[in-house]
N, C-alpha and C. Protein backbone atom coordinates (compact mmCIF):
# COMPACT_ATOMS: atom_id res chain seq x y z
N UNK A 1 17.08 -36.78 -108.53
CA UNK A 1 17.32 -37.90 -107.66
C UNK A 1 18.55 -37.72 -106.78
N UNK A 2 19.42 -36.75 -107.08
CA UNK A 2 20.62 -36.57 -106.27
C UNK A 2 20.26 -36.16 -104.85
N UNK A 3 19.16 -35.47 -104.65
CA UNK A 3 18.76 -35.06 -103.30
C UNK A 3 18.56 -36.28 -102.42
N UNK A 4 17.94 -37.29 -102.94
CA UNK A 4 17.73 -38.53 -102.18
C UNK A 4 19.08 -39.19 -101.88
N UNK A 5 20.00 -39.13 -102.80
CA UNK A 5 21.32 -39.71 -102.59
C UNK A 5 22.05 -38.99 -101.47
N UNK A 6 21.94 -37.67 -101.40
CA UNK A 6 22.56 -36.91 -100.31
C UNK A 6 21.93 -37.30 -98.98
N UNK A 7 20.63 -37.44 -98.96
CA UNK A 7 19.95 -37.85 -97.73
C UNK A 7 20.41 -39.25 -97.30
N UNK A 8 20.66 -40.13 -98.24
CA UNK A 8 21.17 -41.46 -97.91
C UNK A 8 22.58 -41.36 -97.31
N UNK A 9 23.41 -40.49 -97.88
CA UNK A 9 24.76 -40.31 -97.38
C UNK A 9 24.76 -39.67 -95.99
N UNK A 10 23.76 -38.84 -95.70
CA UNK A 10 23.67 -38.22 -94.38
C UNK A 10 23.45 -39.23 -93.27
N UNK A 11 22.96 -40.40 -93.61
CA UNK A 11 22.80 -41.45 -92.60
C UNK A 11 24.14 -42.00 -92.15
N UNK A 12 25.16 -41.88 -93.00
CA UNK A 12 26.51 -42.35 -92.66
C UNK A 12 27.36 -41.22 -92.06
N UNK A 13 27.29 -40.05 -92.69
CA UNK A 13 28.08 -38.90 -92.26
C UNK A 13 27.13 -37.73 -92.07
N UNK A 14 27.07 -37.23 -90.87
CA UNK A 14 26.06 -36.24 -90.50
C UNK A 14 26.52 -34.80 -90.77
N UNK A 15 27.08 -34.55 -91.94
CA UNK A 15 27.54 -33.21 -92.28
C UNK A 15 27.54 -33.07 -93.80
N UNK A 16 26.67 -32.23 -94.32
CA UNK A 16 26.55 -32.04 -95.77
C UNK A 16 27.84 -31.53 -96.41
N UNK A 17 28.57 -30.67 -95.70
CA UNK A 17 29.79 -30.10 -96.26
C UNK A 17 30.88 -31.16 -96.39
N UNK A 18 30.97 -32.04 -95.42
CA UNK A 18 31.94 -33.13 -95.48
C UNK A 18 31.58 -34.07 -96.62
N UNK A 19 30.29 -34.36 -96.78
CA UNK A 19 29.83 -35.22 -97.87
C UNK A 19 30.19 -34.59 -99.22
N UNK A 20 29.95 -33.29 -99.36
CA UNK A 20 30.26 -32.61 -100.62
C UNK A 20 31.76 -32.67 -100.91
N UNK A 21 32.58 -32.46 -99.88
CA UNK A 21 34.03 -32.51 -100.05
C UNK A 21 34.48 -33.92 -100.46
N UNK A 22 33.93 -34.92 -99.79
CA UNK A 22 34.27 -36.31 -100.12
C UNK A 22 33.86 -36.66 -101.56
N UNK A 23 32.67 -36.23 -101.95
CA UNK A 23 32.18 -36.54 -103.30
C UNK A 23 33.04 -35.85 -104.35
N UNK A 24 33.41 -34.59 -104.12
CA UNK A 24 34.26 -33.88 -105.08
C UNK A 24 35.62 -34.55 -105.21
N UNK A 25 36.18 -34.96 -104.08
CA UNK A 25 37.47 -35.64 -104.12
C UNK A 25 37.36 -36.96 -104.88
N UNK A 26 36.27 -37.67 -104.68
CA UNK A 26 36.07 -38.95 -105.37
C UNK A 26 35.92 -38.74 -106.89
N UNK A 27 35.22 -37.69 -107.29
CA UNK A 27 35.07 -37.39 -108.73
C UNK A 27 36.44 -37.09 -109.34
N UNK A 28 37.28 -36.37 -108.61
CA UNK A 28 38.64 -36.11 -109.11
C UNK A 28 39.41 -37.42 -109.27
N UNK A 29 39.16 -38.36 -108.37
CA UNK A 29 39.82 -39.67 -108.48
C UNK A 29 39.37 -40.40 -109.74
N UNK A 30 38.09 -40.29 -110.09
CA UNK A 30 37.62 -40.90 -111.35
C UNK A 30 38.38 -40.32 -112.54
N UNK A 31 38.58 -38.98 -112.51
CA UNK A 31 39.30 -38.32 -113.60
C UNK A 31 40.74 -38.80 -113.71
N UNK A 32 41.31 -39.25 -112.59
CA UNK A 32 42.68 -39.75 -112.58
C UNK A 32 42.76 -41.22 -112.98
N UNK A 33 41.60 -41.86 -113.19
CA UNK A 33 41.59 -43.23 -113.67
C UNK A 33 41.14 -44.27 -112.66
N UNK A 34 40.80 -43.85 -111.44
CA UNK A 34 40.30 -44.81 -110.46
C UNK A 34 38.92 -45.29 -110.86
N UNK A 35 38.64 -46.58 -110.73
CA UNK A 35 37.31 -47.10 -111.11
C UNK A 35 36.29 -46.85 -110.00
N UNK A 36 35.01 -46.74 -110.36
CA UNK A 36 33.97 -46.64 -109.33
C UNK A 36 33.93 -47.91 -108.49
N UNK A 37 33.54 -47.77 -107.23
CA UNK A 37 33.47 -48.91 -106.31
C UNK A 37 32.13 -49.62 -106.37
N UNK A 38 31.15 -48.99 -107.03
CA UNK A 38 29.84 -49.62 -107.20
C UNK A 38 29.44 -49.46 -108.66
N UNK A 39 28.56 -50.34 -109.11
CA UNK A 39 28.04 -50.22 -110.48
C UNK A 39 26.89 -49.23 -110.47
N UNK A 40 26.99 -48.23 -111.33
CA UNK A 40 26.00 -47.16 -111.36
C UNK A 40 26.05 -46.51 -112.74
N UNK A 41 24.93 -46.27 -113.34
CA UNK A 41 24.86 -45.65 -114.66
C UNK A 41 24.54 -44.16 -114.58
N UNK A 42 24.87 -43.55 -113.45
CA UNK A 42 24.60 -42.13 -113.26
C UNK A 42 25.84 -41.30 -113.54
N UNK A 43 25.69 -39.99 -113.38
CA UNK A 43 26.84 -39.11 -113.52
C UNK A 43 27.81 -39.38 -112.39
N UNK A 44 29.04 -38.91 -112.57
CA UNK A 44 30.11 -39.20 -111.61
C UNK A 44 29.78 -38.74 -110.20
N UNK A 45 29.20 -37.56 -110.05
CA UNK A 45 28.90 -37.03 -108.72
C UNK A 45 27.86 -37.89 -108.00
N UNK A 46 26.87 -38.37 -108.73
CA UNK A 46 25.85 -39.23 -108.13
C UNK A 46 26.46 -40.58 -107.75
N UNK A 47 27.35 -41.09 -108.59
CA UNK A 47 28.04 -42.34 -108.27
C UNK A 47 28.85 -42.17 -107.00
N UNK A 48 29.55 -41.05 -106.86
CA UNK A 48 30.34 -40.79 -105.66
C UNK A 48 29.45 -40.72 -104.43
N UNK A 49 28.30 -40.06 -104.53
CA UNK A 49 27.37 -39.98 -103.41
C UNK A 49 26.82 -41.36 -103.04
N UNK A 50 26.56 -42.16 -104.05
CA UNK A 50 26.07 -43.53 -103.78
C UNK A 50 27.15 -44.37 -103.09
N UNK A 51 28.41 -44.16 -103.47
CA UNK A 51 29.51 -44.87 -102.80
C UNK A 51 29.59 -44.48 -101.32
N UNK A 52 29.42 -43.21 -101.04
CA UNK A 52 29.45 -42.73 -99.66
C UNK A 52 28.28 -43.33 -98.88
N UNK A 53 27.10 -43.30 -99.49
CA UNK A 53 25.90 -43.84 -98.83
C UNK A 53 26.04 -45.34 -98.57
N UNK A 54 26.74 -46.04 -99.45
CA UNK A 54 26.92 -47.49 -99.30
C UNK A 54 28.04 -47.84 -98.32
N UNK A 55 28.78 -46.82 -97.87
CA UNK A 55 29.87 -47.07 -96.94
C UNK A 55 31.15 -47.53 -97.61
N UNK A 56 31.24 -47.39 -98.92
CA UNK A 56 32.43 -47.81 -99.65
C UNK A 56 33.55 -46.78 -99.56
N UNK A 57 33.18 -45.51 -99.33
CA UNK A 57 34.15 -44.42 -99.20
C UNK A 57 34.03 -43.90 -97.78
N UNK A 58 35.15 -43.82 -97.08
CA UNK A 58 35.15 -43.39 -95.68
C UNK A 58 36.17 -42.29 -95.47
N UNK A 59 36.02 -41.58 -94.36
CA UNK A 59 36.98 -40.53 -93.99
C UNK A 59 38.28 -41.16 -93.51
N UNK A 60 39.41 -40.51 -93.80
CA UNK A 60 40.68 -40.98 -93.28
C UNK A 60 40.75 -40.74 -91.77
N UNK A 61 40.30 -39.55 -91.34
CA UNK A 61 40.29 -39.19 -89.93
C UNK A 61 38.84 -39.06 -89.47
N UNK A 62 38.59 -39.38 -88.22
CA UNK A 62 37.24 -39.09 -87.71
C UNK A 62 36.97 -37.59 -87.79
N UNK A 63 35.74 -37.22 -87.94
CA UNK A 63 35.37 -35.83 -88.16
C UNK A 63 35.88 -34.93 -87.04
N UNK A 64 35.79 -35.34 -85.79
CA UNK A 64 36.25 -34.50 -84.68
C UNK A 64 37.75 -34.25 -84.74
N UNK A 65 38.53 -35.24 -85.16
CA UNK A 65 39.97 -35.06 -85.27
C UNK A 65 40.33 -34.11 -86.41
N UNK A 66 39.48 -34.04 -87.41
CA UNK A 66 39.74 -33.16 -88.55
C UNK A 66 39.38 -31.71 -88.23
N UNK A 67 38.84 -31.46 -87.03
CA UNK A 67 38.50 -30.09 -86.65
C UNK A 67 37.15 -29.64 -87.12
N UNK A 68 36.27 -30.57 -87.42
CA UNK A 68 34.95 -30.25 -87.91
C UNK A 68 33.94 -30.56 -86.80
N UNK A 69 33.12 -29.60 -86.47
CA UNK A 69 32.11 -29.79 -85.44
C UNK A 69 30.89 -30.45 -86.05
N UNK A 70 30.40 -31.49 -85.42
CA UNK A 70 29.23 -32.22 -85.90
C UNK A 70 28.23 -32.29 -84.77
N UNK A 71 26.95 -32.19 -85.11
CA UNK A 71 25.89 -32.28 -84.10
C UNK A 71 25.87 -33.64 -83.46
């Protein structure tokens, strides 16, 4: 089911690599004690992807300012 979650996140952020980076950073935040922003009984990575898809987690800088080319 994670594939569908990535596709949902792609509707918000049109770059798989940025989504992966955001999700990994969010999982590290869980390990530091930050609570999830949505209720989800999935693994941490799926919860992070669902947060991105729901718009709860956003980029600090717009993608173009971060030096990332997006279609």
